[in-house]
Amino acid sequence: MSADALPVEPVLRVDADRCRGHGLCYSAYPDLVDEDGRGHATPRPLAPAARTAGALQDAGDAVENCPERALSINGFAHRPQI
């Protein structure tokens, strides 16, 4: 595990009922979020090497920038502290 690796896997979640398909998350964070073919967000799984504080920072930014508050990390709808 690299010095930057996180001890716990951050899980980015999308609330399908809240997502309206604005596309801000997958446009800004394509390594973390994909679209499902209908324009709605779907999280990408993080490879073990990508589970870093930087990826968590990006995921936190995606959560904070979602206009519908459809994204969360490990169930938290705000930026987790690292």
PDB file of N, CA and C in Angstrom:
ATOM      1  N   MET A   1       0.849  -1.168   0.000  1.00  0.00           N
ATOM      2  CA  MET A   1       0.000   0.000   0.000  1.00  0.00           C
ATOM      3  C   MET A   1       0.897   1.235   0.000  1.00  0.00           C
ATOM      4  N   SER A   2       0.626   2.185  -0.887  1.00  0.00           N
ATOM      5  CA  SER A   2       1.443   3.396  -0.944  1.00  0.00           C
ATOM      6  C   SER A   2       1.159   4.282   0.262  1.00  0.00           C
ATOM      7  N   ALA A   3       2.034   5.241   0.503  1.00  0.00           N
ATOM      8  CA  ALA A   3       1.864   6.155   1.630  1.00  0.00           C
ATOM      9  C   ALA A   3       0.592   6.973   1.492  1.00  0.00           C
ATOM     10  N   ASP A   4       0.132   7.175   0.258  1.00  0.00           N
ATOM     11  CA  ASP A   4      -1.058   7.974  -0.005  1.00  0.00           C
ATOM     12  C   ASP A   4      -2.340   7.131   0.015  1.00  0.00           C
ATOM     13  N   ALA A   5      -2.212   5.800   0.103  1.00  0.00           N
ATOM     14  CA  ALA A   5      -3.382   4.924   0.034  1.00  0.00           C
ATOM     15  C   ALA A   5      -4.233   5.059   1.293  1.00  0.00           C
ATOM     16  N   LEU A   6      -5.522   4.889   1.128  1.00  0.00           N
ATOM     17  CA  LEU A   6      -6.454   4.974   2.242  1.00  0.00           C
ATOM     18  C   LEU A   6      -6.645   3.602   2.873  1.00  0.00           C
ATOM     19  N   PRO A   7      -6.809   3.542   4.201  1.00  0.00           N
ATOM     20  CA  PRO A   7      -7.000   2.254   4.853  1.00  0.00           C
ATOM     21  C   PRO A   7      -8.389   1.666   4.616  1.00  0.00           C
ATOM     22  N   VAL A   8      -9.360   2.516   4.283  1.00  0.00           N
ATOM     23  CA  VAL A   8     -10.729   2.073   4.037  1.00  0.00           C
ATOM     24  C   VAL A   8     -11.128   2.512   2.641  1.00  0.00           C
ATOM     25  N   GLU A   9     -11.804   1.641   1.911  1.00  0.00           N
ATOM     26  CA  GLU A   9     -12.217   1.985   0.557  1.00  0.00           C
ATOM     27  C   GLU A   9     -13.363   2.990   0.596  1.00  0.00           C
ATOM     28  N   PRO A  10     -13.165   4.169   0.003  1.00  0.00           N
ATOM     29  CA  PRO A  10     -14.286   5.105  -0.102  1.00  0.00           C
ATOM     30  C   PRO A  10     -15.259   4.611  -1.167  1.00  0.00           C
ATOM     31  N   VAL A  11     -16.528   4.611  -0.847  1.00  0.00           N
ATOM     32  CA  VAL A  11     -17.539   4.151  -1.783  1.00  0.00           C
ATOM     33  C   VAL A  11     -18.411   5.336  -2.166  1.00  0.00           C
ATOM     34  N   LEU A  12     -18.346   5.715  -3.428  1.00  0.00           N
ATOM     35  CA  LEU A  12     -19.184   6.783  -3.951  1.00  0.00           C
ATOM     36  C   LEU A  12     -20.521   6.176  -4.334  1.00  0.00           C
ATOM     37  N   ARG A  13     -21.585   6.760  -3.834  1.00  0.00           N
ATOM     38  CA  ARG A  13     -22.927   6.246  -4.107  1.00  0.00           C
ATOM     39  C   ARG A  13     -23.753   7.301  -4.831  1.00  0.00           C
ATOM     40  N   VAL A  14     -24.675   6.828  -5.655  1.00  0.00           N
ATOM     41  CA  VAL A  14     -25.592   7.708  -6.370  1.00  0.00           C
ATOM     42  C   VAL A  14     -27.013   7.335  -5.970  1.00  0.00           C
ATOM     43  N   ASP A  15     -27.770   8.320  -5.505  1.00  0.00           N
ATOM     44  CA  ASP A  15     -29.185   8.126  -5.205  1.00  0.00           C
ATOM     45  C   ASP A  15     -29.942   8.320  -6.518  1.00  0.00           C
ATOM     46  N   ALA A  16     -30.378   7.216  -7.123  1.00  0.00           N
ATOM     47  CA  ALA A  16     -31.028   7.265  -8.431  1.00  0.00           C
ATOM     48  C   ALA A  16     -32.323   8.078  -8.406  1.00  0.00           C
ATOM     49  N   ASP A  17     -32.975   8.144  -7.263  1.00  0.00           N
ATOM     50  CA  ASP A  17     -34.205   8.931  -7.158  1.00  0.00           C
ATOM     51  C   ASP A  17     -33.941  10.432  -7.193  1.00  0.00           C
ATOM     52  N   ARG A  18     -32.740  10.837  -6.774  1.00  0.00           N
ATOM     53  CA  ARG A  18     -32.411  12.267  -6.751  1.00  0.00           C
ATOM     54  C   ARG A  18     -31.695  12.740  -8.012  1.00  0.00           C
ATOM     55  N   CYS A  19     -30.945  11.846  -8.652  1.00  0.00           N
ATOM     56  CA  CYS A  19     -30.167  12.220  -9.829  1.00  0.00           C
ATOM     57  C   CYS A  19     -31.101  12.633 -10.966  1.00  0.00           C
ATOM     58  N   ARG A  20     -30.831  13.804 -11.541  1.00  0.00           N
ATOM     59  CA  ARG A  20     -31.636  14.321 -12.654  1.00  0.00           C
ATOM     60  C   ARG A  20     -30.843  14.379 -13.952  1.00  0.00           C
ATOM     61  N   GLY A  21     -29.617  13.849 -13.927  1.00  0.00           N
ATOM     62  CA  GLY A  21     -28.833  13.753 -15.147  1.00  0.00           C
ATOM     63  C   GLY A  21     -28.223  15.042 -15.632  1.00  0.00           C
ATOM     64  N   HIS A  22     -27.869  15.941 -14.716  1.00  0.00           N
ATOM     65  CA  HIS A  22     -27.211  17.190 -15.107  1.00  0.00           C
ATOM     66  C   HIS A  22     -25.865  16.932 -15.778  1.00  0.00           C
ATOM     67  N   GLY A  23     -25.177  15.878 -15.362  1.00  0.00           N
ATOM     68  CA  GLY A  23     -23.907  15.496 -15.969  1.00  0.00           C
ATOM     69  C   GLY A  23     -22.689  16.200 -15.413  1.00  0.00           C
ATOM     70  N   LEU A  24     -22.853  17.023 -14.391  1.00  0.00           N
ATOM     71  CA  LEU A  24     -21.700  17.730 -13.826  1.00  0.00           C
ATOM     72  C   LEU A  24     -20.674  16.768 -13.253  1.00  0.00           C
ATOM     73  N   CYS A  25     -21.125  15.730 -12.584  1.00  0.00           N
ATOM     74  CA  CYS A  25     -20.199  14.811 -11.912  1.00  0.00           C
ATOM     75  C   CYS A  25     -19.377  14.012 -12.913  1.00  0.00           C
ATOM     76  N   TYR A  26     -20.006  13.418 -13.909  1.00  0.00           N
ATOM     77  CA  TYR A  26     -19.220  12.605 -14.835  1.00  0.00           C
ATOM     78  C   TYR A  26     -18.465  13.441 -15.840  1.00  0.00           C
ATOM     79  N   SER A  27     -18.859  14.684 -16.035  1.00  0.00           N
ATOM     80  CA  SER A  27     -18.061  15.577 -16.891  1.00  0.00           C
ATOM     81  C   SER A  27     -16.795  16.022 -16.168  1.00  0.00           C
ATOM     82  N   ALA A  28     -16.925  16.347 -14.890  1.00  0.00           N
ATOM     83  CA  ALA A  28     -15.794  16.856 -14.121  1.00  0.00           C
ATOM     84  C   ALA A  28     -14.919  15.748 -13.531  1.00  0.00           C
ATOM     85  N   TYR A  29     -15.503  14.585 -13.238  1.00  0.00           N
ATOM     86  CA  TYR A  29     -14.777  13.507 -12.554  1.00  0.00           C
ATOM     87  C   TYR A  29     -14.989  12.174 -13.278  1.00  0.00           C
ATOM     88  N   PRO A  30     -14.552  12.075 -14.529  1.00  0.00           N
ATOM     89  CA  PRO A  30     -14.807  10.854 -15.311  1.00  0.00           C
ATOM     90  C   PRO A  30     -14.120   9.603 -14.755  1.00  0.00           C
ATOM     91  N   ASP A  31     -13.099   9.768 -13.932  1.00  0.00           N
ATOM     92  CA  ASP A  31     -12.456   8.601 -13.318  1.00  0.00           C
ATOM     93  C   ASP A  31     -13.308   8.011 -12.193  1.00  0.00           C
ATOM     94  N   LEU A  32     -14.233   8.825 -11.660  1.00  0.00           N
ATOM     95  CA  LEU A  32     -15.044   8.397 -10.525  1.00  0.00           C
ATOM     96  C   LEU A  32     -16.495   8.098 -10.879  1.00  0.00           C
ATOM     97  N   VAL A  33     -17.010   8.804 -11.888  1.00  0.00           N
ATOM     98  CA  VAL A  33     -18.434   8.702 -12.207  1.00  0.00           C
ATOM     99  C   VAL A  33     -18.606   8.525 -13.710  1.00  0.00           C
ATOM    100  N   ASP A  34     -19.500   7.632 -14.082  1.00  0.00           N
ATOM    101  CA  ASP A  34     -19.845   7.385 -15.475  1.00  0.00           C
ATOM    102  C   ASP A  34     -21.317   7.740 -15.644  1.00  0.00           C
ATOM    103  N   GLU A  35     -21.807   7.666 -16.873  1.00  0.00           N
ATOM    104  CA  GLU A  35     -23.242   7.853 -17.096  1.00  0.00           C
ATOM    105  C   GLU A  35     -23.824   6.562 -17.629  1.00  0.00           C
ATOM    106  N   ASP A  36     -25.096   6.366 -17.360  1.00  0.00           N
ATOM    107  CA  ASP A  36     -25.724   5.075 -17.630  1.00  0.00           C
ATOM    108  C   ASP A  36     -26.355   4.937 -19.008  1.00  0.00           C
ATOM    109  N   GLY A  37     -26.094   5.852 -19.905  1.00  0.00           N
ATOM    110  CA  GLY A  37     -26.692   5.781 -21.234  1.00  0.00           C
ATOM    111  C   GLY A  37     -27.963   6.595 -21.346  1.00  0.00           C
ATOM    112  N   ARG A  38     -28.548   6.961 -20.200  1.00  0.00           N
ATOM    113  CA  ARG A  38     -29.727   7.824 -20.176  1.00  0.00           C
ATOM    114  C   ARG A  38     -29.388   9.185 -19.577  1.00  0.00           C
ATOM    115  N   GLY A  39     -28.069   9.377 -19.295  1.00  0.00           N
ATOM    116  CA  GLY A  39     -27.619  10.640 -18.735  1.00  0.00           C
ATOM    117  C   GLY A  39     -27.519  10.681 -17.228  1.00  0.00           C
ATOM    118  N   HIS A  40     -27.895   9.607 -16.557  1.00  0.00           N
ATOM    119  CA  HIS A  40     -27.823   9.584 -15.102  1.00  0.00           C
ATOM    120  C   HIS A  40     -26.472   9.046 -14.641  1.00  0.00           C
ATOM    121  N   ALA A  41     -26.045   9.504 -13.489  1.00  0.00           N
ATOM    122  CA  ALA A  41     -24.740   9.130 -12.946  1.00  0.00           C
ATOM    123  C   ALA A  41     -24.735   7.702 -12.435  1.00  0.00           C
ATOM    124  N   THR A  42     -23.585   7.067 -12.591  1.00  0.00           N
ATOM    125  CA  THR A  42     -23.330   5.755 -12.009  1.00  0.00           C
ATOM    126  C   THR A  42     -21.870   5.738 -11.563  1.00  0.00           C
ATOM    127  N   PRO A  43     -21.605   5.316 -10.329  1.00  0.00           N
ATOM    128  CA  PRO A  43     -20.219   5.356  -9.845  1.00  0.00           C
ATOM    129  C   PRO A  43     -19.343   4.315 -10.531  1.00  0.00           C
ATOM    130  N   ARG A  44     -18.086   4.672 -10.756  1.00  0.00           N
ATOM    131  CA  ARG A  44     -17.095   3.722 -11.271  1.00  0.00           C
ATOM    132  C   ARG A  44     -16.395   3.090 -10.076  1.00  0.00           C
ATOM    133  N   PRO A  45     -16.127   1.796 -10.134  1.00  0.00           N
ATOM    134  CA  PRO A  45     -15.349   1.181  -9.052  1.00  0.00           C
ATOM    135  C   PRO A  45     -13.905   1.690  -9.105  1.00  0.00           C
ATOM    136  N   LEU A  46     -13.332   1.913  -7.955  1.00  0.00           N
ATOM    137  CA  LEU A  46     -11.940   2.358  -7.880  1.00  0.00           C
ATOM    138  C   LEU A  46     -11.023   1.146  -7.791  1.00  0.00           C
ATOM    139  N   ALA A  47     -10.050   1.098  -8.660  1.00  0.00           N
ATOM    140  CA  ALA A  47      -9.025   0.069  -8.560  1.00  0.00           C
ATOM    141  C   ALA A  47      -8.230   0.302  -7.277  1.00  0.00           C
ATOM    142  N   PRO A  48      -7.698  -0.754  -6.662  1.00  0.00           N
ATOM    143  CA  PRO A  48      -6.956  -0.564  -5.410  1.00  0.00           C
ATOM    144  C   PRO A  48      -5.878   0.520  -5.492  1.00  0.00           C
ATOM    145  N   ALA A  49      -5.177   0.619  -6.603  1.00  0.00           N
ATOM    146  CA  ALA A  49      -4.119   1.629  -6.730  1.00  0.00           C
ATOM    147  C   ALA A  49      -4.676   3.050  -6.780  1.00  0.00           C
ATOM    148  N   ALA A  50      -5.966   3.186  -7.097  1.00  0.00           N
ATOM    149  CA  ALA A  50      -6.581   4.513  -7.213  1.00  0.00           C
ATOM    150  C   ALA A  50      -7.251   4.961  -5.920  1.00  0.00           C
ATOM    151  N   ARG A  51      -7.216   4.131  -4.904  1.00  0.00           N
ATOM    152  CA  ARG A  51      -7.851   4.484  -3.624  1.00  0.00           C
ATOM    153  C   ARG A  51      -6.895   5.342  -2.811  1.00  0.00           C
ATOM    154  N   THR A  52      -6.831   6.598  -3.167  1.00  0.00           N
ATOM    155  CA  THR A  52      -5.885   7.523  -2.546  1.00  0.00           C
ATOM    156  C   THR A  52      -6.617   8.710  -1.945  1.00  0.00           C
ATOM    157  N   ALA A  53      -5.892   9.480  -1.160  1.00  0.00           N
ATOM    158  CA  ALA A  53      -6.458  10.710  -0.595  1.00  0.00           C
ATOM    159  C   ALA A  53      -6.881  11.662  -1.709  1.00  0.00           C
ATOM    160  N   GLY A  54      -6.150  11.677  -2.824  1.00  0.00           N
ATOM    161  CA  GLY A  54      -6.521  12.532  -3.951  1.00  0.00           C
ATOM    162  C   GLY A  54      -7.840  12.121  -4.568  1.00  0.00           C
ATOM    163  N   ALA A  55      -8.062  10.809  -4.693  1.00  0.00           N
ATOM    164  CA  ALA A  55      -9.345  10.322  -5.225  1.00  0.00           C
ATOM    165  C   ALA A  55     -10.479  10.657  -4.269  1.00  0.00           C
ATOM    166  N   LEU A  56     -10.218  10.556  -2.962  1.00  0.00           N
ATOM    167  CA  LEU A  56     -11.235  10.911  -1.975  1.00  0.00           C
ATOM    168  C   LEU A  56     -11.546  12.403  -2.044  1.00  0.00           C
ATOM    169  N   GLN A  57     -10.525  13.210  -2.265  1.00  0.00           N
ATOM    170  CA  GLN A  57     -10.722  14.658  -2.421  1.00  0.00           C
ATOM    171  C   GLN A  57     -11.611  14.925  -3.637  1.00  0.00           C
ATOM    172  N   ASP A  58     -11.333  14.274  -4.753  1.00  0.00           N
ATOM    173  CA  ASP A  58     -12.157  14.443  -5.958  1.00  0.00           C
ATOM    174  C   ASP A  58     -13.584  13.980  -5.716  1.00  0.00           C
ATOM    175  N   ALA A  59     -13.745  12.864  -5.033  1.00  0.00           N
ATOM    176  CA  ALA A  59     -15.088  12.367  -4.736  1.00  0.00           C
ATOM    177  C   ALA A  59     -15.842  13.357  -3.852  1.00  0.00           C
ATOM    178  N   GLY A  60     -15.137  13.943  -2.882  1.00  0.00           N
ATOM    179  CA  GLY A  60     -15.756  14.963  -2.034  1.00  0.00           C
ATOM    180  C   GLY A  60     -16.185  16.177  -2.837  1.00  0.00           C
ATOM    181  N   ASP A  61     -15.350  16.575  -3.791  1.00  0.00           N
ATOM    182  CA  ASP A  61     -15.713  17.690  -4.666  1.00  0.00           C
ATOM    183  C   ASP A  61     -16.955  17.354  -5.484  1.00  0.00           C
ATOM    184  N   ALA A  62     -17.026  16.132  -6.008  1.00  0.00           N
ATOM    185  CA  ALA A  62     -18.194  15.713  -6.792  1.00  0.00           C
ATOM    186  C   ALA A  62     -19.456  15.749  -5.931  1.00  0.00           C
ATOM    187  N   VAL A  63     -19.357  15.254  -4.694  1.00  0.00           N
ATOM    188  CA  VAL A  63     -20.498  15.267  -3.773  1.00  0.00           C
ATOM    189  C   VAL A  63     -20.964  16.699  -3.533  1.00  0.00           C
ATOM    190  N   GLU A  64     -20.018  17.585  -3.254  1.00  0.00           N
ATOM    191  CA  GLU A  64     -20.371  18.975  -2.941  1.00  0.00           C
ATOM    192  C   GLU A  64     -20.921  19.736  -4.142  1.00  0.00           C
ATOM    193  N   ASN A  65     -20.552  19.332  -5.354  1.00  0.00           N
ATOM    194  CA  ASN A  65     -20.977  20.050  -6.545  1.00  0.00           C
ATOM    195  C   ASN A  65     -22.245  19.511  -7.190  1.00  0.00           C
ATOM    196  N   CYS A  66     -22.788  18.437  -6.681  1.00  0.00           N
ATOM    197  CA  CYS A  66     -24.015  17.874  -7.255  1.00  0.00           C
ATOM    198  C   CYS A  66     -25.204  18.769  -6.894  1.00  0.00           C
ATOM    199  N   PRO A  67     -25.876  19.358  -7.895  1.00  0.00           N
ATOM    200  CA  PRO A  67     -26.983  20.265  -7.586  1.00  0.00           C
ATOM    201  C   PRO A  67     -28.195  19.569  -6.969  1.00  0.00           C
ATOM    202  N   GLU A  68     -28.325  18.266  -7.165  1.00  0.00           N
ATOM    203  CA  GLU A  68     -29.467  17.530  -6.623  1.00  0.00           C
ATOM    204  C   GLU A  68     -29.129  16.791  -5.325  1.00  0.00           C
ATOM    205  N   ARG A  69     -27.856  16.898  -4.892  1.00  0.00           N
ATOM    206  CA  ARG A  69     -27.379  16.182  -3.696  1.00  0.00           C
ATOM    207  C   ARG A  69     -27.635  14.685  -3.825  1.00  0.00           C
ATOM    208  N   ALA A  70     -27.381  14.165  -5.026  1.00  0.00           N
ATOM    209  CA  ALA A  70     -27.607  12.744  -5.305  1.00  0.00           C
ATOM    210  C   ALA A  70     -26.391  11.883  -4.996  1.00  0.00           C
ATOM    211  N   LEU A  71     -25.237  12.499  -4.741  1.00  0.00           N
ATOM    212  CA  LEU A  71     -24.013  11.741  -4.480  1.00  0.00           C
ATOM    213  C   LEU A  71     -23.688  11.737  -2.991  1.00  0.00           C
ATOM    214  N   SER A  72     -23.108  10.637  -2.545  1.00  0.00           N
ATOM    215  CA  SER A  72     -22.608  10.551  -1.176  1.00  0.00           C
ATOM    216  C   SER A  72     -21.403   9.619  -1.163  1.00  0.00           C
ATOM    217  N   ILE A  73     -20.625   9.713  -0.108  1.00  0.00           N
ATOM    218  CA  ILE A  73     -19.467   8.831   0.074  1.00  0.00           C
ATOM    219  C   ILE A  73     -19.694   8.029   1.346  1.00  0.00           C
ATOM    220  N   ASN A  74     -19.719   6.705   1.195  1.00  0.00           N
ATOM    221  CA  ASN A  74     -19.954   5.810   2.333  1.00  0.00           C
ATOM    222  C   ASN A  74     -21.174   6.243   3.134  1.00  0.00           C
ATOM    223  N   GLY A  75     -22.189   6.772   2.425  1.00  0.00           N
ATOM    224  CA  GLY A  75     -23.429   7.164   3.079  1.00  0.00           C
ATOM    225  C   GLY A  75     -23.442   8.582   3.628  1.00  0.00           C
ATOM    226  N   PHE A  76     -22.309   9.308   3.518  1.00  0.00           N
ATOM    227  CA  PHE A  76     -22.264  10.680   4.021  1.00  0.00           C
ATOM    228  C   PHE A  76     -22.473  11.651   2.878  1.00  0.00           C
ATOM    229  N   ALA A  77     -23.396  12.580   3.034  1.00  0.00           N
ATOM    230  CA  ALA A  77     -23.698  13.542   1.971  1.00  0.00           C
ATOM    231  C   ALA A  77     -22.854  14.803   2.105  1.00  0.00           C
ATOM    232  N   HIS A  78     -21.677  14.673   2.678  1.00  0.00           N
ATOM    233  CA  HIS A  78     -20.735  15.776   2.800  1.00  0.00           C
ATOM    234  C   HIS A  78     -19.324  15.211   2.660  1.00  0.00           C
ATOM    235  N   ARG A  79     -18.359  16.095   2.588  1.00  0.00           N
ATOM    236  CA  ARG A  79     -16.966  15.662   2.422  1.00  0.00           C
ATOM    237  C   ARG A  79     -16.453  14.999   3.697  1.00  0.00           C
ATOM    238  N   PRO A  80     -16.007  13.753   3.603  1.00  0.00           N
ATOM    239  CA  PRO A  80     -15.420  13.105   4.787  1.00  0.00           C
ATOM    240  C   PRO A  80     -14.065  13.704   5.107  1.00  0.00           C
ATOM    241  N   GLN A  81     -13.719  13.680   6.365  1.00  0.00           N
ATOM    242  CA  GLN A  81     -12.413  14.195   6.796  1.00  0.00           C
ATOM    243  C   GLN A  81     -11.359  13.114   6.621  1.00  0.00           C
ATOM    244  N   ILE A  82     -10.194  13.496   6.106  1.00  0.00           N
ATOM    245  CA  ILE A  82      -9.103  12.534   5.974  1.00  0.00           C
ATOM    246  C   ILE A  82      -7.926  12.975   6.809  1.00  0.00           C
TER     247      ILE A  82
END
